[in-house]
Amino acid sequence: MEQNKNTFELIYDVVRRIPRGKVAAYGQVAALAGNKRWARVVGYALHVNPDPEHIPCHRVVTKDGHVSPAFAFGGENRQISLLEAEGVAFRNGHVIMEVYQWDTPWL
């Protein structure tokens, strides 16, 4: 973890690395950013994302694959459409995590 970066910047650095067509869970992003207890902070950071075009916050979902009903950039339907446009599939209203979750074996 870089000492000169604040928590939100660390979170944004992780979110930028989520590949197109993959998703990450809030807790997964938190752990990669430096503290597995920051899952709620990840949500706060994404809600105020200063650059959604380059920080793909639509790729962050719950551990069960649910999108955010409070997605700050157009609501949950917009988040779903952005993910579907990248090839992410849904089953029973949530992302099929065993297929589309970003594989981060270093956790």
N, C-alpha and C. Protein backbone atom coordinates (compact mmCIF):
# COMPACT_ATOMS: atom_id res chain seq x y z
N MET A 1 0.85 -1.18 0.00
CA MET A 1 0.00 0.00 0.00
C MET A 1 0.90 1.24 0.00
N GLU A 2 0.60 2.15 -0.91
CA GLU A 2 1.41 3.36 -1.02
C GLU A 2 1.03 4.36 0.06
N GLN A 3 2.03 4.90 0.71
CA GLN A 3 1.82 5.80 1.84
C GLN A 3 1.21 7.15 1.42
N ASN A 4 1.47 7.60 0.21
CA ASN A 4 1.02 8.92 -0.20
C ASN A 4 -0.41 8.95 -0.72
N LYS A 5 -1.06 7.83 -0.81
CA LYS A 5 -2.41 7.79 -1.36
C LYS A 5 -3.45 7.66 -0.26
N ASN A 6 -4.58 8.35 -0.45
CA ASN A 6 -5.65 8.20 0.52
C ASN A 6 -6.46 6.95 0.19
N THR A 7 -7.34 6.58 1.06
CA THR A 7 -8.12 5.34 0.93
C THR A 7 -8.88 5.29 -0.38
N PHE A 8 -9.58 6.35 -0.75
CA PHE A 8 -10.36 6.34 -1.98
C PHE A 8 -9.45 6.13 -3.19
N GLU A 9 -8.27 6.77 -3.20
CA GLU A 9 -7.35 6.60 -4.32
C GLU A 9 -6.88 5.16 -4.43
N LEU A 10 -6.62 4.51 -3.30
CA LEU A 10 -6.23 3.11 -3.30
C LEU A 10 -7.35 2.25 -3.89
N ILE A 11 -8.58 2.54 -3.52
CA ILE A 11 -9.74 1.81 -4.04
C ILE A 11 -9.87 2.04 -5.54
N TYR A 12 -9.75 3.28 -5.98
CA TYR A 12 -9.85 3.57 -7.41
C TYR A 12 -8.76 2.86 -8.20
N ASP A 13 -7.56 2.76 -7.64
CA ASP A 13 -6.47 2.05 -8.31
C ASP A 13 -6.84 0.59 -8.56
N VAL A 14 -7.49 -0.04 -7.58
CA VAL A 14 -7.91 -1.44 -7.73
C VAL A 14 -9.02 -1.54 -8.78
N VAL A 15 -10.01 -0.67 -8.68
CA VAL A 15 -11.15 -0.75 -9.60
C VAL A 15 -10.71 -0.55 -11.05
N ARG A 16 -9.73 0.31 -11.27
CA ARG A 16 -9.20 0.51 -12.63
C ARG A 16 -8.63 -0.79 -13.21
N ARG A 17 -8.20 -1.72 -12.37
CA ARG A 17 -7.57 -2.95 -12.82
C ARG A 17 -8.55 -4.08 -13.11
N ILE A 18 -9.82 -3.90 -12.74
CA ILE A 18 -10.81 -4.96 -13.00
C ILE A 18 -10.98 -5.06 -14.52
N PRO A 19 -10.71 -6.23 -15.08
CA PRO A 19 -10.79 -6.36 -16.55
C PRO A 19 -12.21 -6.21 -17.08
N ARG A 20 -12.30 -5.73 -18.28
CA ARG A 20 -13.58 -5.67 -19.00
C ARG A 20 -14.17 -7.07 -19.04
N GLY A 21 -15.47 -7.18 -18.77
CA GLY A 21 -16.13 -8.47 -18.79
C GLY A 21 -16.00 -9.26 -17.50
N LYS A 22 -15.43 -8.63 -16.47
CA LYS A 22 -15.29 -9.25 -15.15
C LYS A 22 -15.87 -8.32 -14.10
N VAL A 23 -16.17 -8.87 -12.94
CA VAL A 23 -16.64 -8.06 -11.81
C VAL A 23 -15.81 -8.43 -10.59
N ALA A 24 -15.85 -7.55 -9.61
CA ALA A 24 -15.21 -7.81 -8.31
C ALA A 24 -16.22 -7.48 -7.23
N ALA A 25 -16.14 -8.18 -6.12
CA ALA A 25 -17.01 -7.91 -4.98
C ALA A 25 -16.42 -6.75 -4.17
N TYR A 26 -17.29 -6.06 -3.45
CA TYR A 26 -16.84 -4.95 -2.61
C TYR A 26 -15.72 -5.38 -1.67
N GLY A 27 -15.89 -6.51 -1.01
CA GLY A 27 -14.87 -7.00 -0.09
C GLY A 27 -13.57 -7.36 -0.78
N GLN A 28 -13.67 -7.86 -1.98
CA GLN A 28 -12.48 -8.20 -2.78
C GLN A 28 -11.70 -6.92 -3.09
N VAL A 29 -12.40 -5.89 -3.53
CA VAL A 29 -11.74 -4.60 -3.80
C VAL A 29 -11.12 -4.07 -2.51
N ALA A 30 -11.84 -4.17 -1.41
CA ALA A 30 -11.33 -3.67 -0.12
C ALA A 30 -10.03 -4.37 0.24
N ALA A 31 -10.01 -5.69 0.14
CA ALA A 31 -8.80 -6.45 0.48
C ALA A 31 -7.63 -6.07 -0.43
N LEU A 32 -7.90 -5.93 -1.71
CA LEU A 32 -6.83 -5.56 -2.65
C LEU A 32 -6.34 -4.13 -2.41
N ALA A 33 -7.22 -3.28 -1.87
CA ALA A 33 -6.83 -1.90 -1.58
C ALA A 33 -6.07 -1.78 -0.27
N GLY A 34 -6.06 -2.87 0.52
CA GLY A 34 -5.24 -2.83 1.72
C GLY A 34 -5.92 -3.16 3.03
N ASN A 35 -7.26 -3.28 3.03
CA ASN A 35 -7.95 -3.59 4.28
C ASN A 35 -9.26 -4.29 3.98
N LYS A 36 -9.35 -5.57 4.31
CA LYS A 36 -10.55 -6.34 3.99
C LYS A 36 -11.80 -5.81 4.67
N ARG A 37 -11.64 -4.94 5.65
CA ARG A 37 -12.80 -4.36 6.36
C ARG A 37 -13.34 -3.09 5.70
N TRP A 38 -12.78 -2.71 4.58
CA TRP A 38 -13.19 -1.48 3.90
C TRP A 38 -14.33 -1.68 2.91
N ALA A 39 -15.04 -2.79 2.93
CA ALA A 39 -16.08 -3.05 1.93
C ALA A 39 -17.09 -1.90 1.85
N ARG A 40 -17.53 -1.41 2.99
CA ARG A 40 -18.48 -0.29 2.99
C ARG A 40 -17.81 0.99 2.47
N VAL A 41 -16.56 1.17 2.78
CA VAL A 41 -15.82 2.34 2.29
C VAL A 41 -15.71 2.29 0.76
N VAL A 42 -15.54 1.08 0.23
CA VAL A 42 -15.52 0.93 -1.23
C VAL A 42 -16.82 1.48 -1.82
N GLY A 43 -17.94 1.14 -1.21
CA GLY A 43 -19.22 1.67 -1.67
C GLY A 43 -19.28 3.19 -1.63
N TYR A 44 -18.78 3.77 -0.55
CA TYR A 44 -18.76 5.24 -0.45
C TYR A 44 -17.88 5.83 -1.55
N ALA A 45 -16.72 5.24 -1.76
CA ALA A 45 -15.78 5.76 -2.76
C ALA A 45 -16.40 5.70 -4.15
N LEU A 46 -17.05 4.59 -4.47
CA LEU A 46 -17.62 4.44 -5.80
C LEU A 46 -18.80 5.37 -6.01
N HIS A 47 -19.52 5.67 -4.96
CA HIS A 47 -20.66 6.57 -5.07
C HIS A 47 -20.23 7.99 -5.45
N VAL A 48 -19.01 8.36 -5.09
CA VAL A 48 -18.50 9.70 -5.41
C VAL A 48 -17.36 9.62 -6.43
N ASN A 49 -17.34 8.57 -7.20
CA ASN A 49 -16.32 8.35 -8.23
C ASN A 49 -16.15 9.61 -9.09
N PRO A 50 -14.95 10.20 -9.10
CA PRO A 50 -14.75 11.43 -9.84
C PRO A 50 -14.58 11.23 -11.35
N ASP A 51 -14.39 9.98 -11.78
CA ASP A 51 -14.08 9.72 -13.19
C ASP A 51 -14.62 8.35 -13.63
N PRO A 52 -15.96 8.20 -13.70
CA PRO A 52 -16.53 6.89 -14.01
C PRO A 52 -16.13 6.34 -15.38
N GLU A 53 -15.69 7.21 -16.27
CA GLU A 53 -15.24 6.73 -17.58
C GLU A 53 -13.95 5.94 -17.48
N HIS A 54 -13.09 6.28 -16.52
CA HIS A 54 -11.80 5.61 -16.35
C HIS A 54 -11.70 4.77 -15.08
N ILE A 55 -12.66 4.93 -14.19
CA ILE A 55 -12.74 4.12 -12.97
C ILE A 55 -14.06 3.35 -13.08
N PRO A 56 -14.02 2.12 -13.61
CA PRO A 56 -15.25 1.40 -13.96
C PRO A 56 -15.99 0.82 -12.77
N CYS A 57 -16.61 1.70 -12.01
CA CYS A 57 -17.28 1.28 -10.79
C CYS A 57 -18.46 0.35 -11.05
N HIS A 58 -18.95 0.31 -12.28
CA HIS A 58 -20.05 -0.61 -12.60
C HIS A 58 -19.61 -2.07 -12.49
N ARG A 59 -18.31 -2.32 -12.43
CA ARG A 59 -17.79 -3.68 -12.33
C ARG A 59 -17.70 -4.18 -10.89
N VAL A 60 -18.17 -3.39 -9.93
CA VAL A 60 -18.15 -3.81 -8.53
C VAL A 60 -19.57 -4.15 -8.10
N VAL A 61 -19.73 -5.36 -7.56
CA VAL A 61 -21.03 -5.89 -7.16
C VAL A 61 -20.91 -6.52 -5.78
N THR A 62 -22.02 -6.99 -5.23
CA THR A 62 -21.95 -7.68 -3.94
C THR A 62 -21.31 -9.05 -4.13
N LYS A 63 -20.95 -9.69 -3.04
CA LYS A 63 -20.31 -11.00 -3.12
C LYS A 63 -21.24 -12.04 -3.75
N ASP A 64 -22.54 -11.77 -3.73
CA ASP A 64 -23.52 -12.66 -4.35
C ASP A 64 -23.86 -12.26 -5.78
N GLY A 65 -23.20 -11.20 -6.27
CA GLY A 65 -23.41 -10.78 -7.65
C GLY A 65 -24.53 -9.80 -7.89
N HIS A 66 -25.05 -9.21 -6.82
CA HIS A 66 -26.12 -8.22 -6.99
C HIS A 66 -25.52 -6.86 -7.31
N VAL A 67 -26.17 -6.15 -8.22
CA VAL A 67 -25.74 -4.79 -8.53
C VAL A 67 -26.29 -3.85 -7.47
N SER A 68 -25.80 -2.62 -7.49
CA SER A 68 -26.21 -1.64 -6.48
C SER A 68 -27.52 -0.96 -6.89
N PRO A 69 -28.54 -1.00 -6.02
CA PRO A 69 -29.76 -0.25 -6.32
C PRO A 69 -29.51 1.25 -6.30
N ALA A 70 -28.39 1.66 -5.71
CA ALA A 70 -28.05 3.08 -5.62
C ALA A 70 -26.89 3.43 -6.55
N PHE A 71 -26.71 2.67 -7.65
CA PHE A 71 -25.62 2.96 -8.59
C PHE A 71 -25.71 4.43 -8.99
N ALA A 72 -24.66 5.16 -8.69
CA ALA A 72 -24.69 6.62 -8.79
C ALA A 72 -24.73 7.15 -10.21
N PHE A 73 -24.51 6.29 -11.19
CA PHE A 73 -24.39 6.78 -12.56
C PHE A 73 -25.49 6.21 -13.45
N GLY A 74 -26.74 6.29 -12.95
CA GLY A 74 -27.88 5.89 -13.75
C GLY A 74 -28.74 4.81 -13.14
N GLY A 75 -28.46 4.39 -11.91
CA GLY A 75 -29.27 3.38 -11.24
C GLY A 75 -28.88 1.97 -11.62
N GLU A 76 -29.55 1.00 -10.98
CA GLU A 76 -29.16 -0.40 -11.16
C GLU A 76 -29.38 -0.89 -12.59
N ASN A 77 -30.41 -0.40 -13.29
CA ASN A 77 -30.62 -0.83 -14.68
C ASN A 77 -29.45 -0.40 -15.56
N ARG A 78 -28.91 0.78 -15.29
CA ARG A 78 -27.75 1.25 -16.05
C ARG A 78 -26.53 0.38 -15.76
N GLN A 79 -26.33 0.02 -14.50
CA GLN A 79 -25.20 -0.84 -14.14
C GLN A 79 -25.34 -2.18 -14.85
N ILE A 80 -26.52 -2.74 -14.86
CA ILE A 80 -26.76 -4.01 -15.54
C ILE A 80 -26.46 -3.88 -17.03
N SER A 81 -26.93 -2.82 -17.65
CA SER A 81 -26.71 -2.67 -19.09
C SER A 81 -25.23 -2.48 -19.41
N LEU A 82 -24.50 -1.77 -18.55
CA LEU A 82 -23.05 -1.61 -18.78
C LEU A 82 -22.34 -2.96 -18.68
N LEU A 83 -22.71 -3.76 -17.70
CA LEU A 83 -22.10 -5.08 -17.54
C LEU A 83 -22.47 -6.00 -18.70
N GLU A 84 -23.73 -6.01 -19.09
CA GLU A 84 -24.15 -6.85 -20.21
C GLU A 84 -23.45 -6.45 -21.50
N ALA A 85 -23.20 -5.16 -21.68
CA ALA A 85 -22.48 -4.68 -22.87
C ALA A 85 -21.05 -5.21 -22.91
N GLU A 86 -20.52 -5.58 -21.75
CA GLU A 86 -19.17 -6.15 -21.67
C GLU A 86 -19.20 -7.68 -21.72
N GLY A 87 -20.39 -8.25 -21.86
CA GLY A 87 -20.50 -9.70 -21.96
C GLY A 87 -20.78 -10.42 -20.66
N VAL A 88 -21.02 -9.68 -19.58
CA VAL A 88 -21.31 -10.29 -18.29
C VAL A 88 -22.77 -10.77 -18.29
N ALA A 89 -22.97 -12.01 -17.90
CA ALA A 89 -24.32 -12.59 -17.89
C ALA A 89 -24.88 -12.64 -16.46
N PHE A 90 -26.19 -12.63 -16.41
CA PHE A 90 -26.92 -12.65 -15.15
C PHE A 90 -27.80 -13.90 -15.07
N ARG A 91 -27.97 -14.39 -13.86
CA ARG A 91 -28.91 -15.49 -13.59
C ARG A 91 -29.76 -15.07 -12.40
N ASN A 92 -31.05 -15.13 -12.55
CA ASN A 92 -31.97 -14.76 -11.47
C ASN A 92 -31.67 -13.37 -10.90
N GLY A 93 -31.31 -12.45 -11.79
CA GLY A 93 -31.12 -11.07 -11.38
C GLY A 93 -29.76 -10.72 -10.80
N HIS A 94 -28.81 -11.66 -10.82
CA HIS A 94 -27.48 -11.30 -10.33
C HIS A 94 -26.40 -11.91 -11.23
N VAL A 95 -25.22 -11.32 -11.16
CA VAL A 95 -24.08 -11.78 -11.96
C VAL A 95 -23.74 -13.21 -11.57
N ILE A 96 -23.42 -14.01 -12.56
CA ILE A 96 -22.99 -15.39 -12.31
C ILE A 96 -21.53 -15.32 -11.86
N MET A 97 -21.34 -15.21 -10.54
CA MET A 97 -20.02 -14.93 -9.98
C MET A 97 -18.99 -16.01 -10.30
N GLU A 98 -19.40 -17.28 -10.34
CA GLU A 98 -18.42 -18.34 -10.60
C GLU A 98 -17.85 -18.25 -12.01
N VAL A 99 -18.48 -17.49 -12.87
CA VAL A 99 -17.99 -17.31 -14.24
C VAL A 99 -17.31 -15.96 -14.41
N TYR A 100 -17.90 -14.90 -13.84
CA TYR A 100 -17.47 -13.54 -14.15
C TYR A 100 -16.68 -12.83 -13.07
N GLN A 101 -16.49 -13.45 -11.91
CA GLN A 101 -15.71 -12.77 -10.87
C GLN A 101 -14.24 -12.73 -11.27
N TRP A 102 -13.65 -11.57 -11.10
CA TRP A 102 -12.23 -11.35 -11.39
C TRP A 102 -11.41 -12.29 -10.54
N ASP A 103 -10.55 -13.04 -11.18
CA ASP A 103 -9.70 -14.00 -10.48
C ASP A 103 -8.47 -13.28 -9.93
N THR A 104 -8.42 -13.16 -8.62
CA THR A 104 -7.30 -12.48 -7.97
C THR A 104 -6.66 -13.46 -6.99
N PRO A 105 -5.85 -14.39 -7.49
CA PRO A 105 -5.32 -15.45 -6.63
C PRO A 105 -4.39 -14.95 -5.54
N TRP A 106 -3.93 -13.71 -5.63
CA TRP A 106 -3.01 -13.21 -4.61
C TRP A 106 -3.72 -12.84 -3.33
N LEU A 107 -5.05 -12.94 -3.27
CA LEU A 107 -5.77 -12.65 -2.02
C LEU A 107 -5.66 -13.81 -1.06
